[in-house]
């Protein structure tokens, strides 16, 4: 196995049980704590240690008895597994964390990295498309990937077979970033195992999940929000009308990213998604120059999230509500939500309530498993 040669601007996650980064890992891995809930708890309680101490009480308020956060042993085992594969951790408010990704609503609080972490500070473009790509589609992908790399862009993709694998392979010389759906040490699909080792040697593999975790169906949409969130633009090369690549494109639009598409023959189902995007206004891509011209002058990457203080401030207090009032807010939220995802700000407008009243109620319902947050900060009934 190729050794991870990359220097880092941040220390590796230490094993000290008193380190704030360790407490953050425990908070993130605690049951029913996703990215949005993590950020909310951290902002409310001031530090991961304080949030961990408050979690059982928060869970109790949501109707969950005997709640236990992630243990020291479980977090230590994840760190040991990461070190065994030369993976490094970077948290959302550290300098090595990619600035564009930090701006999305459900940014991963932490990433495990294997390879050249400095690629995260360069301008990125994502190339996505069908797993069952055509010969013409893979040829087009290789040309775009190679030419955009030579123009100074880092190519990002999701490490799937087909378009993703072609994009990574063509960009190896200049550096490419592969976003894994499972642990950063799990080469899935297995046919990409050698490509994965080549990317670790010359580019970067990353994941928000613990090392050793095999990818499951629900992990792929979450991975796609990172693929689009990292980049300035997403180029769709081949995609069916109902496909993961088209979902990635829609997520990219929600994140404020540019979406471009390569046209295809009307009779080829693999091109129908791209043709739909072009019909709806996405710039048409024939060459890498089309992408570069569509993007215009490069913009400086800025962060919208400020580093959180590690000292513990005075604990924030929620407005006191009676059980009847709390139940009424919960029912208003659940009555409005259904299987179709809704944006949180739209939900607040629909139920004509204050954000300060709805936010803690949503946290209770998330902890209780009755509300689910999806990519792009959308909410649906579980």
Protein backbone atom coordinates (compact mmCIF):
# COMPACT_ATOMS: atom_id res chain seq x y z
CA UNK A 1 0.00 0.00 0.00
CA UNK A 2 1.27 3.43 -0.91
CA UNK A 3 2.24 5.49 2.11
CA UNK A 4 0.38 8.71 2.77
CA UNK A 5 3.01 11.35 2.18
CA UNK A 6 1.06 14.51 2.80
CA UNK A 7 2.00 17.14 5.31
CA UNK A 8 -0.89 18.79 7.14
CA UNK A 9 -1.64 22.20 8.56
CA UNK A 10 -3.42 20.67 11.56
CA UNK A 11 -2.41 17.96 14.02
CA UNK A 12 -3.73 14.45 13.73
CA UNK A 13 -6.66 13.83 16.02
CA UNK A 14 -5.00 13.06 19.39
CA UNK A 15 -6.09 10.26 21.70
CA UNK A 16 -6.37 12.55 24.72
CA UNK A 17 -9.75 12.13 26.38
CA UNK A 18 -9.65 15.82 27.41
CA UNK A 19 -9.15 17.25 23.93
CA UNK A 20 -12.02 19.26 22.41
CA UNK A 21 -11.55 17.54 19.04
CA UNK A 22 -12.06 14.19 20.77
CA UNK A 23 -15.28 15.46 22.34
CA UNK A 24 -16.41 16.70 18.92
CA UNK A 25 -15.88 13.23 17.46
CA UNK A 26 -17.91 11.69 20.29
CA UNK A 27 -20.71 14.23 19.76
CA UNK A 28 -20.80 13.60 16.01
CA UNK A 29 -20.95 9.83 16.45
CA UNK A 30 -23.67 9.93 19.09
CA UNK A 31 -26.99 8.39 18.15
CA UNK A 32 -29.35 10.64 16.16
CA UNK A 33 -26.80 13.48 15.92
CA UNK A 34 -26.35 14.39 12.27
CA UNK A 35 -24.44 17.36 10.80
CA UNK A 36 -27.19 19.94 11.34
CA UNK A 37 -27.94 18.74 14.87
CA UNK A 38 -24.20 18.72 15.64
CA UNK A 39 -23.78 22.37 14.63
CA UNK A 40 -26.92 23.37 16.50
CA UNK A 41 -25.86 21.65 19.72
CA UNK A 42 -22.35 23.08 19.48
CA UNK A 43 -23.68 26.61 18.95
CA UNK A 44 -26.19 26.26 21.78
CA UNK A 45 -23.82 24.82 24.38
CA UNK A 46 -20.53 26.45 23.35
CA UNK A 47 -18.34 23.35 23.27
CA UNK A 48 -18.60 19.69 22.36
CA UNK A 49 -17.91 18.67 25.97
CA UNK A 50 -20.83 20.75 27.23
CA UNK A 51 -23.08 19.46 24.43
CA UNK A 52 -22.23 15.86 25.31
CA UNK A 53 -23.12 16.50 28.94
CA UNK A 54 -26.44 18.00 27.87
CA UNK A 55 -27.34 15.29 25.32
CA UNK A 56 -29.13 12.90 27.71
CA UNK A 57 -31.31 15.74 28.95
CA UNK A 58 -32.03 16.86 25.37
CA UNK A 59 -32.94 13.28 24.47
CA UNK A 60 -35.16 12.99 27.55
CA UNK A 61 -37.02 16.15 26.50
CA UNK A 62 -37.60 14.46 23.13
CA UNK A 63 -39.07 11.42 24.85
CA UNK A 64 -36.01 9.14 24.64
CA UNK A 65 -35.15 7.36 27.86
CA UNK A 66 -31.76 5.90 28.84
CA UNK A 67 -29.92 7.81 26.11
CA UNK A 68 -26.14 7.39 26.08
CA UNK A 69 -23.79 9.42 23.85
CA UNK A 70 -20.91 7.83 21.94
CA UNK A 71 -18.41 6.43 24.44
CA UNK A 72 -14.73 7.23 24.85
CA UNK A 73 -13.86 3.67 23.79
CA UNK A 74 -15.86 3.87 20.56
CA UNK A 75 -14.27 7.19 19.60
CA UNK A 76 -10.79 5.89 20.48
CA UNK A 77 -11.38 2.83 18.27
CA UNK A 78 -12.31 5.07 15.34
CA UNK A 79 -9.12 7.08 15.82
CA UNK A 80 -7.04 3.89 15.97
CA UNK A 81 -8.68 2.61 12.77
CA UNK A 82 -7.93 5.92 11.05
CA UNK A 83 -4.31 5.89 12.11
CA UNK A 84 -3.93 2.34 10.83
CA UNK A 85 -4.68 3.60 7.30
CA UNK A 86 -2.83 6.94 7.66
CA UNK A 87 -6.03 8.99 7.68
CA UNK A 88 -6.15 12.47 9.15
CA UNK A 89 -9.10 14.38 10.61
CA UNK A 90 -10.08 17.94 9.79
CA UNK A 91 -12.96 19.78 11.48
CA UNK A 92 -15.22 22.38 9.89
CA UNK A 93 -13.61 25.42 11.56
CA UNK A 94 -9.97 24.47 10.94
CA UNK A 95 -7.82 26.06 8.20
CA UNK A 96 -7.45 22.80 6.24
CA UNK A 97 -11.22 22.40 5.86
CA UNK A 98 -12.41 23.31 2.32
CA UNK A 99 -13.90 26.80 2.37
CA UNK A 100 -16.68 26.19 -0.15
CA UNK A 101 -17.90 23.08 1.60
CA UNK A 102 -18.13 25.00 4.87
CA UNK A 103 -20.82 27.24 3.35
CA UNK A 104 -23.47 24.56 2.77
CA UNK A 105 -26.29 24.15 5.30
CA UNK A 106 -25.43 20.55 6.21
CA UNK A 107 -21.63 20.72 5.97
CA UNK A 108 -19.90 17.65 7.42
CA UNK A 109 -18.54 18.62 10.86
CA UNK A 110 -15.48 16.44 10.25
CA UNK A 111 -13.74 14.73 7.33
CA UNK A 112 -11.24 11.88 7.29
CA UNK A 113 -8.52 12.48 4.67
CA UNK A 114 -6.03 10.18 2.93
CA UNK A 115 -3.59 11.80 0.51
CA UNK A 116 -2.75 15.36 -0.45
CA UNK A 117 -4.89 17.62 1.75
CA UNK A 118 -3.53 20.78 0.05
CA UNK A 119 -5.81 20.02 -2.94
CA UNK A 120 -8.74 21.18 -0.81
CA UNK A 121 -7.44 24.75 -1.01
CA UNK A 122 -7.46 24.85 -4.84
CA UNK A 123 -10.36 25.66 -7.21
CA UNK A 124 -12.45 22.55 -7.86
CA UNK A 125 -14.90 21.34 -10.49
CA UNK A 126 -17.02 18.20 -10.07
CA UNK A 127 -17.62 15.79 -12.93
CA UNK A 128 -20.48 13.34 -12.43
CA UNK A 129 -22.45 10.94 -14.58
CA UNK A 130 -23.77 7.48 -15.27
CA UNK A 131 -22.24 4.28 -13.92
CA UNK A 132 -23.17 2.47 -17.14
CA UNK A 133 -21.46 5.15 -19.21
CA UNK A 134 -21.19 4.87 -22.97
CA UNK A 135 -17.83 4.74 -24.74
CA UNK A 136 -18.46 8.26 -26.03
CA UNK A 137 -19.36 9.45 -22.54
CA UNK A 138 -16.18 8.10 -20.96
CA UNK A 139 -14.09 9.57 -23.80
CA UNK A 140 -15.74 12.96 -23.28
CA UNK A 141 -15.16 12.71 -19.53
CA UNK A 142 -11.47 11.94 -19.93
CA UNK A 143 -11.01 14.90 -22.27
CA UNK A 144 -12.85 17.32 -19.97
CA UNK A 145 -11.05 16.06 -16.87
CA UNK A 146 -7.61 16.26 -18.43
CA UNK A 147 -8.13 19.72 -19.94
CA UNK A 148 -9.72 21.22 -16.82
CA UNK A 149 -6.86 19.82 -14.74
CA UNK A 150 -4.34 21.42 -17.07
CA UNK A 151 -6.26 24.70 -16.65
CA UNK A 152 -5.66 24.57 -12.89
CA UNK A 153 -8.83 22.94 -11.55
CA UNK A 154 -8.91 19.96 -9.20
CA UNK A 155 -11.40 17.36 -10.42
CA UNK A 156 -13.86 16.04 -7.83
CA UNK A 157 -16.07 12.98 -8.24
CA UNK A 158 -17.73 10.18 -6.29
CA UNK A 159 -15.45 7.21 -7.03
CA UNK A 160 -18.21 5.19 -8.74
CA UNK A 161 -17.65 3.13 -11.87
CA UNK A 162 -18.25 4.76 -15.26
CA UNK A 163 -18.04 8.55 -15.50
CA UNK A 164 -16.60 9.01 -11.98
CA UNK A 165 -13.75 6.55 -12.52
CA UNK A 166 -12.91 8.07 -15.92
CA UNK A 167 -12.80 11.58 -14.41
CA UNK A 168 -10.47 10.49 -11.60
CA UNK A 169 -8.15 8.52 -13.90
CA UNK A 170 -7.67 11.36 -16.37
CA UNK A 171 -6.93 13.88 -13.60
CA UNK A 172 -4.44 11.78 -11.62
CA UNK A 173 -1.40 13.65 -12.89
CA UNK A 174 -2.63 17.03 -11.62
CA UNK A 175 -4.51 15.73 -8.58
CA UNK A 176 -8.08 14.56 -8.11
CA UNK A 177 -10.40 14.26 -5.09
CA UNK A 178 -12.53 11.14 -4.55
CA UNK A 179 -15.45 11.40 -2.12
CA UNK A 180 -16.27 8.00 -0.61
CA UNK A 181 -19.78 6.90 0.37
CA UNK A 182 -18.34 4.62 3.09
CA UNK A 183 -15.19 4.74 5.18
CA UNK A 184 -12.14 6.34 3.63
CA UNK A 185 -10.43 2.93 3.61
CA UNK A 186 -13.26 1.07 1.87
CA UNK A 187 -12.62 0.83 -1.87
CA UNK A 188 -16.12 0.57 -3.32
CA UNK A 189 -16.69 -0.67 -5.91
CA UNK A 190 -13.90 -3.24 -5.60
CA UNK A 191 -12.97 -2.83 -9.26
CA UNK A 192 -11.72 0.67 -8.37
CA UNK A 193 -9.28 -0.61 -5.71
CA UNK A 194 -6.14 0.17 -7.71
CA UNK A 195 -7.54 3.54 -8.77
CA UNK A 196 -8.13 4.30 -5.09
CA UNK A 197 -4.51 3.57 -4.21
CA UNK A 198 -3.37 5.75 -7.13
CA UNK A 199 -5.55 8.62 -5.87
CA UNK A 200 -4.12 8.29 -2.33
CA UNK A 201 -0.61 8.52 -3.82
CA UNK A 202 -1.30 11.45 -6.17
CA UNK A 203 -4.56 13.02 -5.04
CA UNK A 204 -6.95 12.85 -2.09
CA UNK A 205 -9.62 10.45 -0.80
CA UNK A 206 -12.04 11.74 1.83
CA UNK A 207 -15.13 10.65 3.75
CA UNK A 208 -17.33 11.92 6.57
CA UNK A 209 -17.84 8.36 7.84
CA UNK A 210 -15.72 6.25 10.23
CA UNK A 211 -13.00 4.08 8.66
CA UNK A 212 -14.17 0.54 8.07
CA UNK A 213 -17.80 1.50 7.38
CA UNK A 214 -19.20 -0.24 4.29
CA UNK A 215 -21.38 2.10 2.20
CA UNK A 216 -25.16 1.70 2.33
CA UNK A 217 -27.84 3.07 0.04
CA UNK A 218 -28.57 6.10 2.23
CA UNK A 219 -24.89 7.12 2.21
CA UNK A 220 -24.78 7.93 -1.52
CA UNK A 221 -27.07 11.00 -1.54
CA UNK A 222 -25.14 12.31 1.48
CA UNK A 223 -21.87 11.75 -0.40
CA UNK A 224 -23.25 13.61 -3.42
CA UNK A 225 -23.88 16.78 -1.39
CA UNK A 226 -20.12 16.79 -0.61
CA UNK A 227 -19.20 16.19 -4.27
CA UNK A 228 -21.18 19.27 -5.29
CA UNK A 229 -20.43 21.28 -2.13
CA UNK A 230 -16.67 21.13 -2.64
CA UNK A 231 -16.75 22.53 -6.15
CA UNK A 232 -17.47 25.81 -7.82
CA UNK A 233 -19.41 24.01 -10.56
CA UNK A 234 -20.81 20.58 -11.38
CA UNK A 235 -20.57 19.22 -14.92
CA UNK A 236 -22.99 16.36 -15.71
CA UNK A 237 -21.66 14.22 -18.56
CA UNK A 238 -24.27 11.45 -18.80
CA UNK A 239 -27.35 11.03 -16.60
CA UNK A 240 -30.73 9.37 -16.93
CA UNK A 241 -33.86 11.39 -16.20
CA UNK A 242 -34.13 9.72 -12.78
CA UNK A 243 -30.58 9.21 -11.54
CA UNK A 244 -28.21 10.03 -8.70
CA UNK A 245 -26.30 12.38 -10.99
CA UNK A 246 -29.41 14.46 -11.59
CA UNK A 247 -30.03 14.56 -7.83
CA UNK A 248 -26.46 15.82 -7.43
CA UNK A 249 -27.18 18.53 -9.99
CA UNK A 250 -30.28 19.66 -8.11
CA UNK A 251 -28.37 19.64 -4.82
CA UNK A 252 -25.66 21.74 -6.46
CA UNK A 253 -28.25 24.32 -7.53
CA UNK A 254 -29.62 24.43 -3.98
CA UNK A 255 -26.05 25.05 -2.77
CA UNK A 256 -25.59 27.95 -5.20
CA UNK A 257 -23.21 26.07 -7.50
CA UNK A 258 -23.15 26.37 -11.30
CA UNK A 259 -24.50 23.30 -13.12
CA UNK A 260 -23.46 22.54 -16.69
CA UNK A 261 -24.27 19.56 -18.92
CA UNK A 262 -22.95 17.68 -21.92
CA UNK A 263 -25.70 17.09 -24.51
CA UNK A 264 -26.53 13.64 -25.83
CA UNK A 265 -28.62 11.90 -28.45
CA UNK A 266 -32.37 12.15 -27.75
CA UNK A 267 -32.73 8.36 -28.17
CA UNK A 268 -30.06 7.57 -25.53
CA UNK A 269 -31.66 7.25 -22.07
CA UNK A 270 -28.26 7.95 -20.50
CA UNK A 271 -28.37 11.46 -21.98
CA UNK A 272 -31.97 12.34 -21.11
CA UNK A 273 -31.06 13.93 -17.76
CA UNK A 274 -28.39 16.12 -19.36
CA UNK A 275 -30.78 17.21 -22.11
CA UNK A 276 -33.38 18.10 -19.47
CA UNK A 277 -30.82 20.25 -17.63
CA UNK A 278 -29.89 22.06 -20.85
CA UNK A 279 -33.58 22.58 -21.68
CA UNK A 280 -34.01 24.13 -18.24
CA UNK A 281 -31.12 26.55 -18.69
CA UNK A 282 -27.88 24.73 -17.85
CA UNK A 283 -24.98 25.86 -20.08
CA UNK A 284 -24.15 23.36 -22.82
CA UNK A 285 -20.65 21.85 -22.64
CA UNK A 286 -18.71 20.71 -25.70
CA UNK A 287 -15.18 21.32 -24.43
CA UNK A 288 -13.37 22.35 -21.27
CA UNK A 289 -13.23 25.89 -22.66
CA UNK A 290 -17.05 26.03 -22.51
CA UNK A 291 -16.84 25.31 -18.77
CA UNK A 292 -14.14 27.90 -18.17
CA UNK A 293 -16.01 30.59 -20.12
CA UNK A 294 -19.29 29.83 -18.33
CA UNK A 295 -17.67 30.25 -14.92
CA UNK A 296 -16.09 33.60 -15.71
CA UNK A 297 -13.43 35.13 -13.42
CA UNK A 298 -12.53 33.07 -10.38
CA UNK A 299 -13.92 34.22 -7.05
CA UNK A 300 -12.09 34.13 -3.73
CA UNK A 301 -13.25 31.34 -1.46
CA UNK A 302 -14.74 32.66 1.75
CA UNK A 303 -16.01 31.04 4.89
CA UNK A 304 -19.36 31.87 6.40
CA UNK A 305 -18.78 29.86 9.57
CA UNK A 306 -16.58 31.38 12.22
CA UNK A 307 -14.31 29.24 14.41
CA UNK A 308 -16.03 28.25 17.58
CA UNK A 309 -14.39 29.12 20.90
CA UNK A 310 -13.12 26.14 22.87
CA UNK A 311 -13.77 27.73 26.25
CA UNK A 312 -17.18 27.09 27.74
CA UNK A 313 -19.42 30.20 27.83
CA UNK A 314 -22.41 30.53 30.06
CA UNK A 315 -24.96 27.94 28.91
CA UNK A 316 -27.71 29.24 26.68
CA UNK A 317 -31.22 28.93 27.96
CA UNK A 318 -34.27 28.06 25.94
CA UNK A 319 -37.52 29.94 26.37
CA UNK A 320 -39.59 28.13 28.98
CA UNK A 321 -42.68 26.47 27.52
CA UNK A 322 -45.32 24.30 29.11
CA UNK A 323 -45.71 20.69 27.98
CA UNK A 324 -48.99 21.67 26.30
CA UNK A 325 -47.27 24.47 24.34
CA UNK A 326 -44.38 22.20 23.36
CA UNK A 327 -46.80 19.51 22.17
CA UNK A 328 -48.73 22.09 20.14
CA UNK A 329 -45.55 23.20 18.31
CA UNK A 330 -44.58 19.56 17.65
CA UNK A 331 -48.01 18.83 16.16
CA UNK A 332 -47.92 21.95 13.96
CA UNK A 333 -44.58 20.80 12.53
CA UNK A 334 -45.67 17.19 12.02
CA UNK A 335 -48.98 18.22 10.45
CA UNK A 336 -47.16 20.38 7.93
CA UNK A 337 -44.41 17.85 7.08
CA UNK A 338 -44.84 14.81 4.88
CA UNK A 339 -42.66 12.50 2.74
CA UNK A 340 -41.81 15.36 0.35
CA UNK A 341 -38.84 17.37 1.74
CA UNK A 342 -39.45 21.00 2.73
CA UNK A 343 -36.90 23.73 3.50
CA UNK A 344 -36.75 24.75 7.16
CA UNK A 345 -37.32 28.44 6.46
CA UNK A 346 -40.38 27.55 4.37
CA UNK A 347 -41.71 25.40 7.21
CA UNK A 348 -41.32 28.30 9.67
CA UNK A 349 -43.23 30.59 7.31
CA UNK A 350 -45.95 28.00 6.74
CA UNK A 351 -46.72 27.48 10.42
CA UNK A 352 -46.38 31.23 11.14
CA UNK A 353 -44.08 30.73 14.13
CA UNK A 354 -40.86 32.30 15.34
CA UNK A 355 -37.61 30.57 14.40
CA UNK A 356 -36.56 30.59 18.06
CA UNK A 357 -39.67 28.54 18.84
CA UNK A 358 -39.43 26.09 15.92
CA UNK A 359 -35.69 25.37 16.09
CA UNK A 360 -35.63 23.63 19.51
CA UNK A 361 -38.85 21.78 18.63
CA UNK A 362 -37.22 20.44 15.46
CA UNK A 363 -34.23 19.29 17.49
CA UNK A 364 -36.57 17.39 19.82
CA UNK A 365 -38.33 15.74 16.88
CA UNK A 366 -35.03 14.85 15.20
CA UNK A 367 -33.74 13.22 18.37
CA UNK A 368 -37.05 11.33 18.64
CA UNK A 369 -36.65 10.05 15.08
CA UNK A 370 -39.93 11.64 13.91
CA UNK A 371 -38.30 14.20 11.58
CA UNK A 372 -35.48 13.53 9.13
CA UNK A 373 -33.04 16.05 7.71
CA UNK A 374 -31.96 15.43 4.14
CA UNK A 375 -29.28 16.85 1.85
CA UNK A 376 -29.58 20.59 1.35
CA UNK A 377 -31.08 21.19 4.80
CA UNK A 378 -34.50 19.85 3.78
CA UNK A 379 -36.93 18.32 6.30
CA UNK A 380 -39.41 15.47 5.96
CA UNK A 381 -41.53 13.33 8.25
CA UNK A 382 -39.74 10.08 9.18
